[in-house]
Structures are given as C-alpha cells and as structure tokens.
N, C-alpha and C. Protein backbone atom coordinates (compact mmCIF):
# COMPACT_ATOMS: atom_id res chain seq x y z
N MET A 1 -9.61 12.51 -13.51
CA MET A 1 -10.16 11.32 -12.86
C MET A 1 -9.09 10.24 -12.76
N ILE A 2 -8.90 9.73 -11.56
CA ILE A 2 -7.91 8.68 -11.33
C ILE A 2 -8.55 7.32 -11.56
N ARG A 3 -7.88 6.49 -12.32
CA ARG A 3 -8.30 5.12 -12.56
C ARG A 3 -7.51 4.20 -11.63
N ILE A 4 -8.19 3.30 -10.95
CA ILE A 4 -7.55 2.39 -10.00
C ILE A 4 -7.62 0.97 -10.53
N ALA A 5 -6.47 0.35 -10.71
CA ALA A 5 -6.39 -1.05 -11.12
C ALA A 5 -5.78 -1.85 -9.98
N CYS A 6 -6.38 -2.98 -9.67
CA CYS A 6 -5.91 -3.83 -8.58
C CYS A 6 -5.48 -5.19 -9.13
N PHE A 7 -4.34 -5.68 -8.64
CA PHE A 7 -3.82 -6.99 -9.01
C PHE A 7 -3.52 -7.76 -7.72
N THR A 8 -3.92 -9.01 -7.66
CA THR A 8 -3.66 -9.82 -6.47
C THR A 8 -2.52 -10.77 -6.79
N PHE A 9 -1.41 -10.59 -6.05
CA PHE A 9 -0.17 -11.29 -6.35
C PHE A 9 0.35 -12.08 -5.16
N ASN A 10 1.26 -12.98 -5.44
CA ASN A 10 2.13 -13.72 -4.52
C ASN A 10 1.38 -14.67 -3.58
N PRO A 11 2.12 -15.52 -2.85
CA PRO A 11 1.47 -16.51 -1.99
C PRO A 11 0.62 -15.92 -0.86
N PHE A 12 0.78 -14.63 -0.58
CA PHE A 12 0.02 -13.99 0.49
C PHE A 12 -1.24 -13.30 -0.02
N ALA A 13 -1.54 -13.44 -1.31
CA ALA A 13 -2.71 -12.80 -1.93
C ALA A 13 -2.76 -11.31 -1.59
N GLU A 14 -1.68 -10.64 -1.92
CA GLU A 14 -1.54 -9.20 -1.64
C GLU A 14 -2.07 -8.38 -2.80
N ASN A 15 -2.69 -7.26 -2.49
CA ASN A 15 -3.24 -6.36 -3.51
C ASN A 15 -2.22 -5.30 -3.91
N THR A 16 -1.86 -5.30 -5.18
CA THR A 16 -1.01 -4.28 -5.77
C THR A 16 -1.90 -3.32 -6.55
N TYR A 17 -1.63 -2.02 -6.45
CA TYR A 17 -2.47 -1.02 -7.12
C TYR A 17 -1.66 -0.19 -8.10
N VAL A 18 -2.27 0.09 -9.24
CA VAL A 18 -1.74 1.05 -10.20
C VAL A 18 -2.77 2.15 -10.36
N LEU A 19 -2.38 3.37 -10.06
CA LEU A 19 -3.27 4.53 -10.17
C LEU A 19 -2.79 5.41 -11.31
N SER A 20 -3.67 5.75 -12.22
CA SER A 20 -3.29 6.57 -13.36
C SER A 20 -4.37 7.61 -13.64
N ASP A 21 -3.96 8.69 -14.32
CA ASP A 21 -4.96 9.67 -14.75
C ASP A 21 -4.86 9.86 -16.26
N ASN A 22 -5.59 10.84 -16.78
CA ASN A 22 -5.69 10.96 -18.24
C ASN A 22 -4.41 11.45 -18.90
N THR A 23 -3.40 11.80 -18.12
CA THR A 23 -2.11 12.17 -18.72
C THR A 23 -1.29 10.93 -19.08
N GLY A 24 -1.66 9.79 -18.51
CA GLY A 24 -0.89 8.57 -18.72
C GLY A 24 0.14 8.31 -17.65
N GLU A 25 0.43 9.31 -16.81
CA GLU A 25 1.34 9.05 -15.70
C GLU A 25 0.64 8.19 -14.65
N CYS A 26 1.42 7.36 -13.97
CA CYS A 26 0.82 6.48 -12.96
C CYS A 26 1.77 6.27 -11.79
N VAL A 27 1.19 5.79 -10.70
CA VAL A 27 1.97 5.36 -9.54
C VAL A 27 1.68 3.89 -9.30
N ILE A 28 2.71 3.16 -8.89
CA ILE A 28 2.58 1.76 -8.54
C ILE A 28 2.70 1.66 -7.03
N ILE A 29 1.68 1.11 -6.39
CA ILE A 29 1.66 1.04 -4.93
C ILE A 29 1.76 -0.42 -4.50
N ASP A 30 2.77 -0.71 -3.68
CA ASP A 30 2.99 -2.05 -3.11
C ASP A 30 3.08 -3.14 -4.18
N PRO A 31 4.11 -3.08 -5.01
CA PRO A 31 4.24 -4.12 -6.05
C PRO A 31 4.60 -5.47 -5.42
N GLY A 32 3.60 -6.33 -5.29
CA GLY A 32 3.82 -7.63 -4.68
C GLY A 32 4.14 -8.72 -5.68
N CYS A 33 4.44 -8.35 -6.91
CA CYS A 33 4.67 -9.36 -7.96
C CYS A 33 5.86 -10.24 -7.59
N TYR A 34 5.58 -11.52 -7.46
CA TYR A 34 6.54 -12.48 -6.89
C TYR A 34 7.28 -13.30 -7.95
N ASP A 35 6.57 -13.68 -9.00
CA ASP A 35 7.18 -14.53 -10.01
C ASP A 35 7.01 -13.92 -11.40
N ASP A 36 7.47 -14.64 -12.42
CA ASP A 36 7.43 -14.09 -13.78
C ASP A 36 6.00 -13.82 -14.23
N ARG A 37 5.07 -14.66 -13.84
CA ARG A 37 3.67 -14.44 -14.25
C ARG A 37 3.14 -13.15 -13.65
N ASP A 38 3.41 -12.93 -12.36
CA ASP A 38 2.98 -11.69 -11.71
C ASP A 38 3.60 -10.48 -12.38
N ARG A 39 4.91 -10.55 -12.61
CA ARG A 39 5.61 -9.41 -13.21
C ARG A 39 5.10 -9.13 -14.61
N ARG A 40 4.82 -10.18 -15.37
CA ARG A 40 4.30 -10.00 -16.73
C ARG A 40 2.91 -9.36 -16.71
N GLU A 41 2.07 -9.76 -15.76
CA GLU A 41 0.73 -9.19 -15.68
C GLU A 41 0.78 -7.70 -15.39
N LEU A 42 1.65 -7.30 -14.47
CA LEU A 42 1.79 -5.88 -14.14
C LEU A 42 2.34 -5.11 -15.33
N ALA A 43 3.39 -5.62 -15.94
CA ALA A 43 4.01 -4.92 -17.07
C ALA A 43 3.07 -4.84 -18.27
N ASP A 44 2.32 -5.90 -18.53
CA ASP A 44 1.39 -5.88 -19.66
C ASP A 44 0.31 -4.82 -19.46
N TYR A 45 -0.19 -4.70 -18.25
CA TYR A 45 -1.23 -3.68 -18.00
C TYR A 45 -0.66 -2.28 -18.27
N ILE A 46 0.52 -2.02 -17.76
CA ILE A 46 1.11 -0.69 -17.92
C ILE A 46 1.42 -0.41 -19.39
N GLU A 47 1.96 -1.39 -20.07
CA GLU A 47 2.31 -1.19 -21.47
C GLU A 47 1.07 -1.14 -22.37
N ASP A 48 0.09 -2.00 -22.11
CA ASP A 48 -1.13 -2.01 -22.92
C ASP A 48 -1.90 -0.70 -22.81
N ASN A 49 -1.81 -0.07 -21.66
CA ASN A 49 -2.52 1.20 -21.44
C ASN A 49 -1.63 2.42 -21.65
N GLN A 50 -0.42 2.16 -22.15
CA GLN A 50 0.53 3.23 -22.48
C GLN A 50 0.74 4.17 -21.30
N LEU A 51 0.99 3.58 -20.14
CA LEU A 51 1.19 4.36 -18.93
C LEU A 51 2.69 4.60 -18.68
N LYS A 52 2.95 5.65 -17.94
CA LYS A 52 4.32 6.00 -17.57
C LYS A 52 4.42 6.02 -16.05
N PRO A 53 5.01 4.99 -15.42
CA PRO A 53 5.17 5.01 -13.96
C PRO A 53 6.14 6.11 -13.53
N VAL A 54 5.72 6.90 -12.55
CA VAL A 54 6.58 7.98 -12.05
C VAL A 54 6.84 7.86 -10.55
N HIS A 55 6.11 6.98 -9.84
CA HIS A 55 6.37 6.74 -8.42
C HIS A 55 6.18 5.27 -8.11
N LEU A 56 7.03 4.74 -7.25
CA LEU A 56 6.86 3.42 -6.64
C LEU A 56 6.67 3.68 -5.15
N LEU A 57 5.46 3.44 -4.65
CA LEU A 57 5.11 3.76 -3.27
C LEU A 57 4.88 2.49 -2.47
N ASN A 58 5.50 2.41 -1.30
CA ASN A 58 5.24 1.30 -0.38
C ASN A 58 4.45 1.81 0.81
N THR A 59 3.27 1.22 1.05
CA THR A 59 2.54 1.58 2.27
C THR A 59 3.30 1.15 3.51
N HIS A 60 4.08 0.07 3.38
CA HIS A 60 4.96 -0.40 4.45
C HIS A 60 5.92 -1.42 3.84
N GLY A 61 6.84 -1.93 4.67
CA GLY A 61 7.92 -2.72 4.12
C GLY A 61 7.81 -4.22 4.27
N HIS A 62 6.65 -4.74 4.67
CA HIS A 62 6.52 -6.20 4.79
C HIS A 62 6.71 -6.88 3.44
N ILE A 63 7.27 -8.07 3.49
CA ILE A 63 7.77 -8.73 2.28
C ILE A 63 6.72 -8.89 1.20
N ASP A 64 5.47 -9.19 1.59
CA ASP A 64 4.44 -9.44 0.57
C ASP A 64 4.08 -8.19 -0.22
N HIS A 65 4.43 -7.01 0.30
CA HIS A 65 4.12 -5.75 -0.38
C HIS A 65 5.30 -5.21 -1.18
N VAL A 66 6.45 -5.86 -1.06
CA VAL A 66 7.66 -5.31 -1.71
C VAL A 66 8.40 -6.32 -2.57
N PHE A 67 7.81 -7.51 -2.78
CA PHE A 67 8.46 -8.51 -3.62
C PHE A 67 8.90 -7.92 -4.96
N GLY A 68 8.08 -7.02 -5.52
CA GLY A 68 8.36 -6.49 -6.86
C GLY A 68 9.11 -5.18 -6.90
N ASN A 69 9.60 -4.71 -5.76
CA ASN A 69 10.31 -3.42 -5.75
C ASN A 69 11.47 -3.40 -6.74
N LYS A 70 12.30 -4.42 -6.70
CA LYS A 70 13.48 -4.45 -7.57
C LYS A 70 13.07 -4.46 -9.04
N PHE A 71 12.08 -5.27 -9.37
CA PHE A 71 11.60 -5.35 -10.75
C PHE A 71 11.11 -3.99 -11.24
N VAL A 72 10.27 -3.33 -10.44
CA VAL A 72 9.70 -2.04 -10.84
C VAL A 72 10.79 -0.98 -10.94
N CYS A 73 11.69 -0.95 -9.97
CA CYS A 73 12.78 0.05 -10.00
C CYS A 73 13.61 -0.08 -11.27
N GLU A 74 13.94 -1.31 -11.60
CA GLU A 74 14.83 -1.51 -12.75
C GLU A 74 14.11 -1.34 -14.08
N LYS A 75 12.87 -1.80 -14.16
CA LYS A 75 12.16 -1.73 -15.44
C LYS A 75 11.79 -0.30 -15.81
N TRP A 76 11.34 0.49 -14.81
CA TRP A 76 10.86 1.83 -15.13
C TRP A 76 11.74 2.94 -14.57
N GLN A 77 12.87 2.55 -13.98
CA GLN A 77 13.85 3.54 -13.52
C GLN A 77 13.25 4.56 -12.56
N ILE A 78 12.56 4.05 -11.56
CA ILE A 78 12.00 4.91 -10.51
C ILE A 78 12.43 4.34 -9.16
N PRO A 79 12.62 5.20 -8.15
CA PRO A 79 13.10 4.73 -6.84
C PRO A 79 11.96 4.28 -5.93
N VAL A 80 12.32 3.51 -4.93
CA VAL A 80 11.39 3.15 -3.86
C VAL A 80 11.13 4.37 -2.98
N GLU A 81 9.85 4.57 -2.62
CA GLU A 81 9.49 5.61 -1.66
C GLU A 81 8.72 4.94 -0.53
N ILE A 82 9.15 5.21 0.72
CA ILE A 82 8.58 4.57 1.90
C ILE A 82 8.76 5.52 3.08
N HIS A 83 8.07 5.28 4.17
CA HIS A 83 8.29 6.11 5.36
C HIS A 83 9.58 5.68 6.05
N ARG A 84 10.31 6.64 6.61
CA ARG A 84 11.59 6.35 7.25
C ARG A 84 11.46 5.30 8.35
N GLU A 85 10.34 5.31 9.05
CA GLU A 85 10.18 4.40 10.18
C GLU A 85 10.04 2.94 9.74
N ASP A 86 9.85 2.69 8.46
CA ASP A 86 9.75 1.31 7.98
C ASP A 86 11.00 0.86 7.23
N LEU A 87 12.07 1.61 7.33
CA LEU A 87 13.30 1.24 6.64
C LEU A 87 13.82 -0.12 7.15
N LYS A 88 13.83 -0.31 8.47
CA LYS A 88 14.32 -1.58 9.01
C LYS A 88 13.43 -2.74 8.59
N THR A 89 12.14 -2.50 8.50
CA THR A 89 11.22 -3.53 8.04
C THR A 89 11.57 -3.94 6.61
N LEU A 90 11.81 -2.96 5.77
CA LEU A 90 12.19 -3.23 4.38
C LEU A 90 13.52 -3.96 4.31
N GLN A 91 14.47 -3.56 5.13
CA GLN A 91 15.81 -4.16 5.09
C GLN A 91 15.83 -5.58 5.64
N ALA A 92 14.78 -6.00 6.33
CA ALA A 92 14.70 -7.36 6.86
C ALA A 92 14.17 -8.34 5.82
N MET A 93 13.99 -7.90 4.60
CA MET A 93 13.35 -8.71 3.57
C MET A 93 14.05 -10.06 3.35
N ALA A 94 15.36 -10.06 3.28
CA ALA A 94 16.08 -11.32 3.01
C ALA A 94 15.88 -12.31 4.15
N GLU A 95 15.94 -11.83 5.38
CA GLU A 95 15.76 -12.71 6.53
C GLU A 95 14.35 -13.30 6.56
N VAL A 96 13.36 -12.45 6.28
CA VAL A 96 11.97 -12.91 6.29
C VAL A 96 11.74 -13.93 5.18
N ALA A 97 12.32 -13.70 4.02
CA ALA A 97 12.17 -14.65 2.91
C ALA A 97 12.71 -16.02 3.30
N ARG A 98 13.83 -16.04 4.01
CA ARG A 98 14.39 -17.32 4.46
C ARG A 98 13.45 -18.02 5.45
N LEU A 99 12.84 -17.25 6.33
CA LEU A 99 11.92 -17.84 7.31
C LEU A 99 10.73 -18.51 6.63
N TYR A 100 10.28 -17.94 5.52
CA TYR A 100 9.13 -18.49 4.79
C TYR A 100 9.56 -19.44 3.67
N SER A 101 10.86 -19.66 3.53
CA SER A 101 11.40 -20.50 2.45
C SER A 101 10.94 -20.00 1.08
N LEU A 102 11.02 -18.69 0.90
CA LEU A 102 10.61 -18.07 -0.35
C LEU A 102 11.82 -17.45 -1.05
N ASN A 103 11.75 -17.43 -2.37
CA ASN A 103 12.74 -16.69 -3.14
C ASN A 103 12.31 -15.23 -3.20
N ALA A 104 13.27 -14.34 -3.11
CA ALA A 104 12.92 -12.93 -3.16
C ALA A 104 14.06 -12.12 -3.76
N GLU A 105 13.71 -11.23 -4.68
CA GLU A 105 14.68 -10.27 -5.18
C GLU A 105 14.71 -9.11 -4.20
N ILE A 106 15.83 -8.90 -3.56
CA ILE A 106 15.91 -7.93 -2.46
C ILE A 106 15.66 -6.51 -2.99
N SER A 107 14.87 -5.78 -2.25
CA SER A 107 14.50 -4.42 -2.65
C SER A 107 15.70 -3.48 -2.63
N PRO A 108 15.79 -2.58 -3.58
CA PRO A 108 16.77 -1.50 -3.48
C PRO A 108 16.48 -0.63 -2.27
N GLU A 109 17.48 0.08 -1.82
CA GLU A 109 17.28 1.04 -0.74
C GLU A 109 16.37 2.16 -1.22
N PRO A 110 15.62 2.78 -0.32
CA PRO A 110 14.72 3.86 -0.74
C PRO A 110 15.47 5.03 -1.36
N GLY A 111 14.81 5.65 -2.32
CA GLY A 111 15.35 6.85 -2.94
C GLY A 111 14.56 8.08 -2.58
N GLY A 112 13.52 7.91 -1.75
CA GLY A 112 12.69 9.02 -1.31
C GLY A 112 11.89 8.60 -0.10
N TRP A 113 11.49 9.59 0.71
CA TRP A 113 10.77 9.32 1.95
C TRP A 113 9.37 9.89 1.90
N LEU A 114 8.43 9.10 2.39
CA LEU A 114 7.03 9.54 2.48
C LEU A 114 6.79 10.14 3.86
N GLU A 115 6.16 11.30 3.89
CA GLU A 115 5.88 11.97 5.16
C GLU A 115 4.45 12.45 5.19
N GLU A 116 3.86 12.40 6.37
CA GLU A 116 2.47 12.86 6.49
C GLU A 116 2.35 14.33 6.10
N GLY A 117 1.29 14.64 5.40
CA GLY A 117 1.04 16.01 4.99
C GLY A 117 1.63 16.36 3.63
N VAL A 118 2.50 15.47 3.12
CA VAL A 118 3.09 15.70 1.81
C VAL A 118 2.20 15.08 0.75
N LYS A 119 2.12 15.70 -0.41
CA LYS A 119 1.35 15.16 -1.52
C LYS A 119 2.27 14.45 -2.51
N VAL A 120 1.84 13.28 -2.93
CA VAL A 120 2.52 12.56 -4.01
C VAL A 120 1.84 12.97 -5.31
N LEU A 121 2.58 13.63 -6.19
CA LEU A 121 2.00 14.19 -7.41
C LEU A 121 2.33 13.32 -8.62
N PHE A 122 1.34 13.13 -9.48
CA PHE A 122 1.56 12.47 -10.77
C PHE A 122 0.51 13.00 -11.74
N GLY A 123 0.95 13.23 -12.98
CA GLY A 123 0.03 13.79 -13.97
C GLY A 123 -0.61 15.06 -13.44
N GLN A 124 -1.95 15.07 -13.45
CA GLN A 124 -2.70 16.21 -12.90
C GLN A 124 -3.31 15.86 -11.54
N SER A 125 -2.76 14.86 -10.89
CA SER A 125 -3.36 14.32 -9.67
C SER A 125 -2.39 14.35 -8.50
N GLY A 126 -2.94 14.14 -7.31
CA GLY A 126 -2.12 14.09 -6.11
C GLY A 126 -2.77 13.23 -5.05
N LEU A 127 -1.94 12.57 -4.25
CA LEU A 127 -2.40 11.74 -3.15
C LEU A 127 -1.84 12.30 -1.85
N GLU A 128 -2.68 12.40 -0.83
CA GLU A 128 -2.22 12.84 0.48
C GLU A 128 -1.69 11.66 1.27
N VAL A 129 -0.56 11.85 1.93
CA VAL A 129 0.04 10.80 2.75
C VAL A 129 -0.46 10.92 4.19
N LEU A 130 -1.02 9.83 4.72
CA LEU A 130 -1.44 9.76 6.12
C LEU A 130 -0.52 8.78 6.84
N PHE A 131 0.07 9.20 7.94
CA PHE A 131 0.97 8.35 8.71
C PHE A 131 0.13 7.55 9.71
N THR A 132 0.09 6.23 9.54
CA THR A 132 -0.81 5.39 10.31
C THR A 132 -0.10 4.15 10.87
N PRO A 133 0.93 4.33 11.70
CA PRO A 133 1.67 3.19 12.22
C PRO A 133 0.82 2.32 13.15
N GLY A 134 1.32 1.12 13.36
CA GLY A 134 0.62 0.16 14.22
C GLY A 134 0.79 -1.24 13.68
N HIS A 135 0.42 -1.43 12.42
CA HIS A 135 0.72 -2.71 11.75
C HIS A 135 2.22 -2.86 11.59
N SER A 136 2.86 -1.77 11.26
CA SER A 136 4.32 -1.67 11.21
C SER A 136 4.67 -0.26 11.68
N PRO A 137 5.94 -0.01 12.02
CA PRO A 137 6.29 1.31 12.56
C PRO A 137 6.11 2.47 11.60
N GLY A 138 6.14 2.18 10.29
CA GLY A 138 6.06 3.26 9.31
C GLY A 138 4.93 3.14 8.33
N SER A 139 3.86 2.47 8.70
CA SER A 139 2.74 2.29 7.77
C SER A 139 2.12 3.64 7.39
N VAL A 140 1.79 3.78 6.10
CA VAL A 140 1.10 4.96 5.62
C VAL A 140 -0.08 4.55 4.76
N CYS A 141 -1.01 5.48 4.60
CA CYS A 141 -2.13 5.34 3.66
C CYS A 141 -2.08 6.50 2.68
N PHE A 142 -2.72 6.33 1.54
CA PHE A 142 -2.78 7.38 0.52
C PHE A 142 -4.24 7.75 0.28
N TYR A 143 -4.54 9.03 0.44
CA TYR A 143 -5.92 9.50 0.42
C TYR A 143 -6.13 10.51 -0.70
N HIS A 144 -7.25 10.34 -1.42
CA HIS A 144 -7.64 11.32 -2.43
C HIS A 144 -9.01 11.86 -2.03
N PRO A 145 -9.07 13.08 -1.49
CA PRO A 145 -10.35 13.61 -1.01
C PRO A 145 -11.35 13.89 -2.11
N GLY A 146 -10.89 14.24 -3.32
CA GLY A 146 -11.81 14.55 -4.40
C GLY A 146 -12.63 13.36 -4.83
N GLN A 147 -11.95 12.22 -5.04
CA GLN A 147 -12.64 11.00 -5.45
C GLN A 147 -13.03 10.12 -4.26
N LYS A 148 -12.64 10.56 -3.09
CA LYS A 148 -13.02 9.89 -1.84
C LYS A 148 -12.63 8.41 -1.85
N PHE A 149 -11.31 8.20 -1.99
CA PHE A 149 -10.80 6.85 -1.83
C PHE A 149 -9.52 6.88 -1.02
N LEU A 150 -9.21 5.72 -0.42
CA LEU A 150 -8.03 5.56 0.41
C LEU A 150 -7.35 4.25 0.03
N ILE A 151 -6.06 4.32 -0.29
CA ILE A 151 -5.26 3.10 -0.44
C ILE A 151 -4.68 2.83 0.94
N GLY A 152 -5.17 1.77 1.58
CA GLY A 152 -4.95 1.63 3.01
C GLY A 152 -3.88 0.67 3.47
N GLY A 153 -3.18 -0.02 2.55
CA GLY A 153 -2.19 -0.98 3.00
C GLY A 153 -2.82 -2.00 3.93
N ASP A 154 -2.09 -2.34 5.00
CA ASP A 154 -2.59 -3.34 5.95
C ASP A 154 -3.07 -2.70 7.25
N VAL A 155 -3.58 -1.50 7.15
CA VAL A 155 -4.11 -0.82 8.34
C VAL A 155 -5.53 -1.27 8.63
N LEU A 156 -6.39 -1.17 7.63
CA LEU A 156 -7.82 -1.45 7.81
C LEU A 156 -8.31 -2.35 6.68
N PHE A 157 -8.97 -3.45 7.06
CA PHE A 157 -9.56 -4.37 6.09
C PHE A 157 -11.07 -4.38 6.25
N ARG A 158 -11.75 -5.07 5.35
CA ARG A 158 -13.19 -5.23 5.48
C ARG A 158 -13.49 -6.05 6.73
N GLU A 159 -14.04 -5.38 7.72
CA GLU A 159 -14.41 -5.97 9.01
C GLU A 159 -13.24 -6.62 9.73
N SER A 160 -12.05 -6.06 9.51
CA SER A 160 -10.86 -6.53 10.21
C SER A 160 -9.82 -5.41 10.23
N ILE A 161 -8.68 -5.69 10.85
CA ILE A 161 -7.58 -4.73 10.92
C ILE A 161 -6.27 -5.48 10.68
N GLY A 162 -5.20 -4.73 10.49
CA GLY A 162 -3.90 -5.34 10.29
C GLY A 162 -3.40 -6.02 11.55
N ARG A 163 -2.65 -7.09 11.38
CA ARG A 163 -2.09 -7.79 12.54
C ARG A 163 -1.01 -6.93 13.18
N THR A 164 -0.82 -7.12 14.47
CA THR A 164 0.17 -6.31 15.19
C THR A 164 1.15 -7.18 15.98
N ASP A 165 1.22 -8.46 15.64
CA ASP A 165 2.11 -9.36 16.37
C ASP A 165 3.45 -9.56 15.68
N LEU A 166 3.70 -8.81 14.61
CA LEU A 166 4.99 -8.86 13.94
C LEU A 166 5.92 -7.80 14.55
N PRO A 167 7.25 -7.92 14.35
CA PRO A 167 8.17 -6.94 14.93
C PRO A 167 7.77 -5.50 14.59
N GLY A 168 7.73 -4.66 15.61
CA GLY A 168 7.36 -3.26 15.41
C GLY A 168 5.88 -2.98 15.47
N GLY A 169 5.06 -4.03 15.66
CA GLY A 169 3.62 -3.82 15.73
C GLY A 169 3.20 -3.15 17.02
N ASP A 170 2.11 -2.43 16.97
CA ASP A 170 1.60 -1.69 18.13
C ASP A 170 0.07 -1.67 18.04
N HIS A 171 -0.57 -2.56 18.79
CA HIS A 171 -2.01 -2.73 18.66
C HIS A 171 -2.78 -1.47 19.06
N SER A 172 -2.45 -0.90 20.20
CA SER A 172 -3.17 0.31 20.64
C SER A 172 -2.91 1.46 19.69
N GLY A 173 -1.69 1.54 19.16
CA GLY A 173 -1.38 2.61 18.20
C GLY A 173 -2.16 2.45 16.92
N LEU A 174 -2.31 1.21 16.46
CA LEU A 174 -3.08 0.96 15.25
C LEU A 174 -4.54 1.37 15.45
N LEU A 175 -5.15 0.96 16.55
CA LEU A 175 -6.54 1.31 16.81
C LEU A 175 -6.70 2.82 16.90
N ASN A 176 -5.75 3.48 17.55
CA ASN A 176 -5.83 4.94 17.68
C ASN A 176 -5.76 5.61 16.32
N ASN A 177 -4.88 5.14 15.45
CA ASN A 177 -4.77 5.76 14.13
C ASN A 177 -5.99 5.49 13.25
N ILE A 178 -6.58 4.31 13.40
CA ILE A 178 -7.80 4.04 12.65
C ILE A 178 -8.91 4.98 13.08
N THR A 179 -9.07 5.15 14.38
CA THR A 179 -10.19 5.96 14.88
C THR A 179 -9.96 7.46 14.68
N THR A 180 -8.71 7.92 14.81
CA THR A 180 -8.46 9.36 14.75
C THR A 180 -8.12 9.87 13.35
N LYS A 181 -7.60 8.98 12.48
CA LYS A 181 -7.19 9.44 11.16
C LYS A 181 -8.06 8.90 10.03
N LEU A 182 -8.53 7.66 10.16
CA LEU A 182 -9.35 7.08 9.10
C LEU A 182 -10.83 7.28 9.37
N PHE A 183 -11.27 7.03 10.58
CA PHE A 183 -12.70 7.15 10.87
C PHE A 183 -13.19 8.59 10.93
N THR A 184 -12.29 9.54 10.80
CA THR A 184 -12.68 10.95 10.69
C THR A 184 -12.88 11.36 9.23
N LEU A 185 -12.56 10.47 8.30
CA LEU A 185 -12.82 10.74 6.88
C LEU A 185 -14.30 10.54 6.59
N PRO A 186 -14.81 11.08 5.49
CA PRO A 186 -16.22 10.89 5.15
C PRO A 186 -16.58 9.42 5.05
N GLU A 187 -17.79 9.07 5.48
CA GLU A 187 -18.20 7.67 5.52
C GLU A 187 -18.24 7.03 4.14
N GLU A 188 -18.42 7.82 3.10
CA GLU A 188 -18.51 7.25 1.76
C GLU A 188 -17.14 6.97 1.13
N VAL A 189 -16.07 7.28 1.82
CA VAL A 189 -14.73 7.01 1.29
C VAL A 189 -14.55 5.51 1.10
N THR A 190 -14.13 5.11 -0.10
CA THR A 190 -13.84 3.71 -0.39
C THR A 190 -12.41 3.39 0.05
N VAL A 191 -12.27 2.29 0.78
CA VAL A 191 -10.97 1.84 1.25
C VAL A 191 -10.52 0.66 0.39
N TYR A 192 -9.36 0.81 -0.23
CA TYR A 192 -8.75 -0.27 -1.00
C TYR A 192 -7.61 -0.85 -0.16
N PRO A 193 -7.82 -2.03 0.44
CA PRO A 193 -6.84 -2.57 1.39
C PRO A 193 -5.74 -3.38 0.73
N GLY A 194 -4.76 -3.75 1.54
CA GLY A 194 -3.64 -4.54 1.05
C GLY A 194 -3.96 -6.00 0.82
N HIS A 195 -5.09 -6.46 1.36
CA HIS A 195 -5.57 -7.82 1.16
C HIS A 195 -7.09 -7.80 1.19
N GLY A 196 -7.71 -8.64 0.38
CA GLY A 196 -9.15 -8.78 0.44
C GLY A 196 -9.90 -7.70 -0.31
N PRO A 197 -11.24 -7.70 -0.16
CA PRO A 197 -12.08 -6.80 -0.94
C PRO A 197 -12.09 -5.38 -0.38
N GLU A 198 -12.52 -4.46 -1.24
CA GLU A 198 -12.66 -3.07 -0.80
C GLU A 198 -13.80 -2.93 0.19
N THR A 199 -13.81 -1.81 0.88
CA THR A 199 -14.86 -1.52 1.84
C THR A 199 -15.05 -0.01 1.89
N THR A 200 -15.80 0.49 2.85
CA THR A 200 -15.96 1.94 3.02
C THR A 200 -15.73 2.29 4.48
N ILE A 201 -15.41 3.54 4.70
CA ILE A 201 -15.22 4.00 6.08
C ILE A 201 -16.50 3.81 6.89
N GLY A 202 -17.64 4.14 6.29
CA GLY A 202 -18.91 4.00 6.99
C GLY A 202 -19.20 2.56 7.39
N HIS A 203 -18.93 1.64 6.49
CA HIS A 203 -19.17 0.22 6.77
C HIS A 203 -18.31 -0.22 7.96
N GLU A 204 -17.05 0.19 7.98
CA GLU A 204 -16.17 -0.24 9.06
C GLU A 204 -16.53 0.42 10.38
N LYS A 205 -16.97 1.65 10.36
CA LYS A 205 -17.40 2.30 11.60
C LYS A 205 -18.59 1.58 12.22
N ARG A 206 -19.43 1.04 11.37
CA ARG A 206 -20.63 0.36 11.86
C ARG A 206 -20.38 -1.10 12.22
N LEU A 207 -19.54 -1.79 11.45
CA LEU A 207 -19.51 -3.25 11.53
C LEU A 207 -18.15 -3.86 11.87
N ASN A 208 -17.09 -3.08 11.92
CA ASN A 208 -15.78 -3.66 12.21
C ASN A 208 -15.67 -3.98 13.70
N PRO A 209 -15.62 -5.27 14.08
CA PRO A 209 -15.65 -5.63 15.49
C PRO A 209 -14.37 -5.27 16.25
N PHE A 210 -13.29 -5.01 15.54
CA PHE A 210 -12.03 -4.69 16.20
C PHE A 210 -11.94 -3.24 16.66
N VAL A 211 -12.80 -2.42 16.15
CA VAL A 211 -12.80 -1.00 16.53
C VAL A 211 -14.17 -0.55 16.99
N GLY A 212 -14.90 -1.45 17.59
CA GLY A 212 -16.15 -1.08 18.23
C GLY A 212 -17.40 -1.23 17.40
N GLY A 213 -17.26 -1.62 16.12
CA GLY A 213 -18.44 -1.79 15.29
C GLY A 213 -19.11 -3.14 15.52
N GLY A 214 -20.34 -3.25 15.10
CA GLY A 214 -21.06 -4.50 15.18
C GLY A 214 -21.43 -4.93 16.59
N GLN A 215 -21.40 -3.99 17.52
CA GLN A 215 -21.75 -4.33 18.90
C GLN A 215 -23.16 -3.89 19.24
C-alpha cells in the first residue's frame, strides 16, 4: 500500500508529494521547497518516518515545482528525473526566478529521463508514466492503477486545467491529452494536482467547464 503525503510550499502554493510503501523506500515528486522552513518540513517528514528517497521526479520543469531539486539531490544523493521535452523549461529556471524577483537554487541537470510506458519502481511499488504535454512540452503524470490514483502535476485541477500561455504551452494539446489519456481512466481515480485540492476523474468529467463538463 502506497502512502501519499502532500506538502504545500513556496509563494505559488505548489503541492509537493512524497509517496512511500511499507519497505520505507519513497519517491519525492515536484519538490517545491523554497526556503529553509519548507526544506526542514520535507526533511523532517522523511526522517521522522525513516524513509529512504530513491527517486526525485518532476512532472514538469516550471520553477514552482523544482525549487527544491538541488536540495533533494544533494541531501539524499538522487538525480533529477524529468521528460526530455521539458529540459529547456527546467534550464530556464534562473531567468524565470529573475522575472519574479525570487531567489532560487538552480536545479542540477537531469540524471534520468521519464518516458511514457515506463514504470518508476520503488520498494514493492511502481508508478506508470503518462506523457501529457500541453501545460508544458514535457508534462507527465504518474498513475497507480491498483490504488487508483494519479499524481497529475499542472495538467488537471479541480474544475480547472493547467494554463497554456507560458512558453511551450499548447491549449488544444492539453485538452486532447486530458480527454484521451486521463478521462479514459476509471472515474473513481483520485487526482492529486500540482495546486489546490484533490479531485476525481469522474468529478472532472461531469463538472470541469474547460473540458465540456458542467454544461
């Protein structure tokens, strides 16, 4: 059984996830920890629960989801894993930080690539990678069919969708990936988004106004 812990970090109120199973191995998804308080909260949870991080996964490379990449890489000696198509997004981190007048520890270069159809393994568990570009060129989601949950990044939110007006965004592509890859999952699948509260596939199919729901 996978345990899901959510932390809301940084000025963008981004959701960082730690997934662990009964072996104690865990994956850290989108470490948005921006300051010492954020970093301490993440580290305390991992240490208090005697967890061993074995993967650092980025759903995409936007700054609010990768503020903590350097901290996680150095503290637990694990590399960044991201989709190849979001490498330029990740590498723009310093420029974006300047635009927002934010301090940022620049992310290390990726040490592994996420690809659709590949499983990310930890402990006795595995997550399926779904390639869902649109919010960014290399956005991915992580799906566990057994427990019926999806870590969705900024693809799908509760009654909303990811913005597509940033460099590399593709509105029609995002809508197509939501309808063909996410809305084909069972309706009871819980979606854990990159911002805001969790939702379900069924709820979004019925009520999300950006993809035909609530009409």
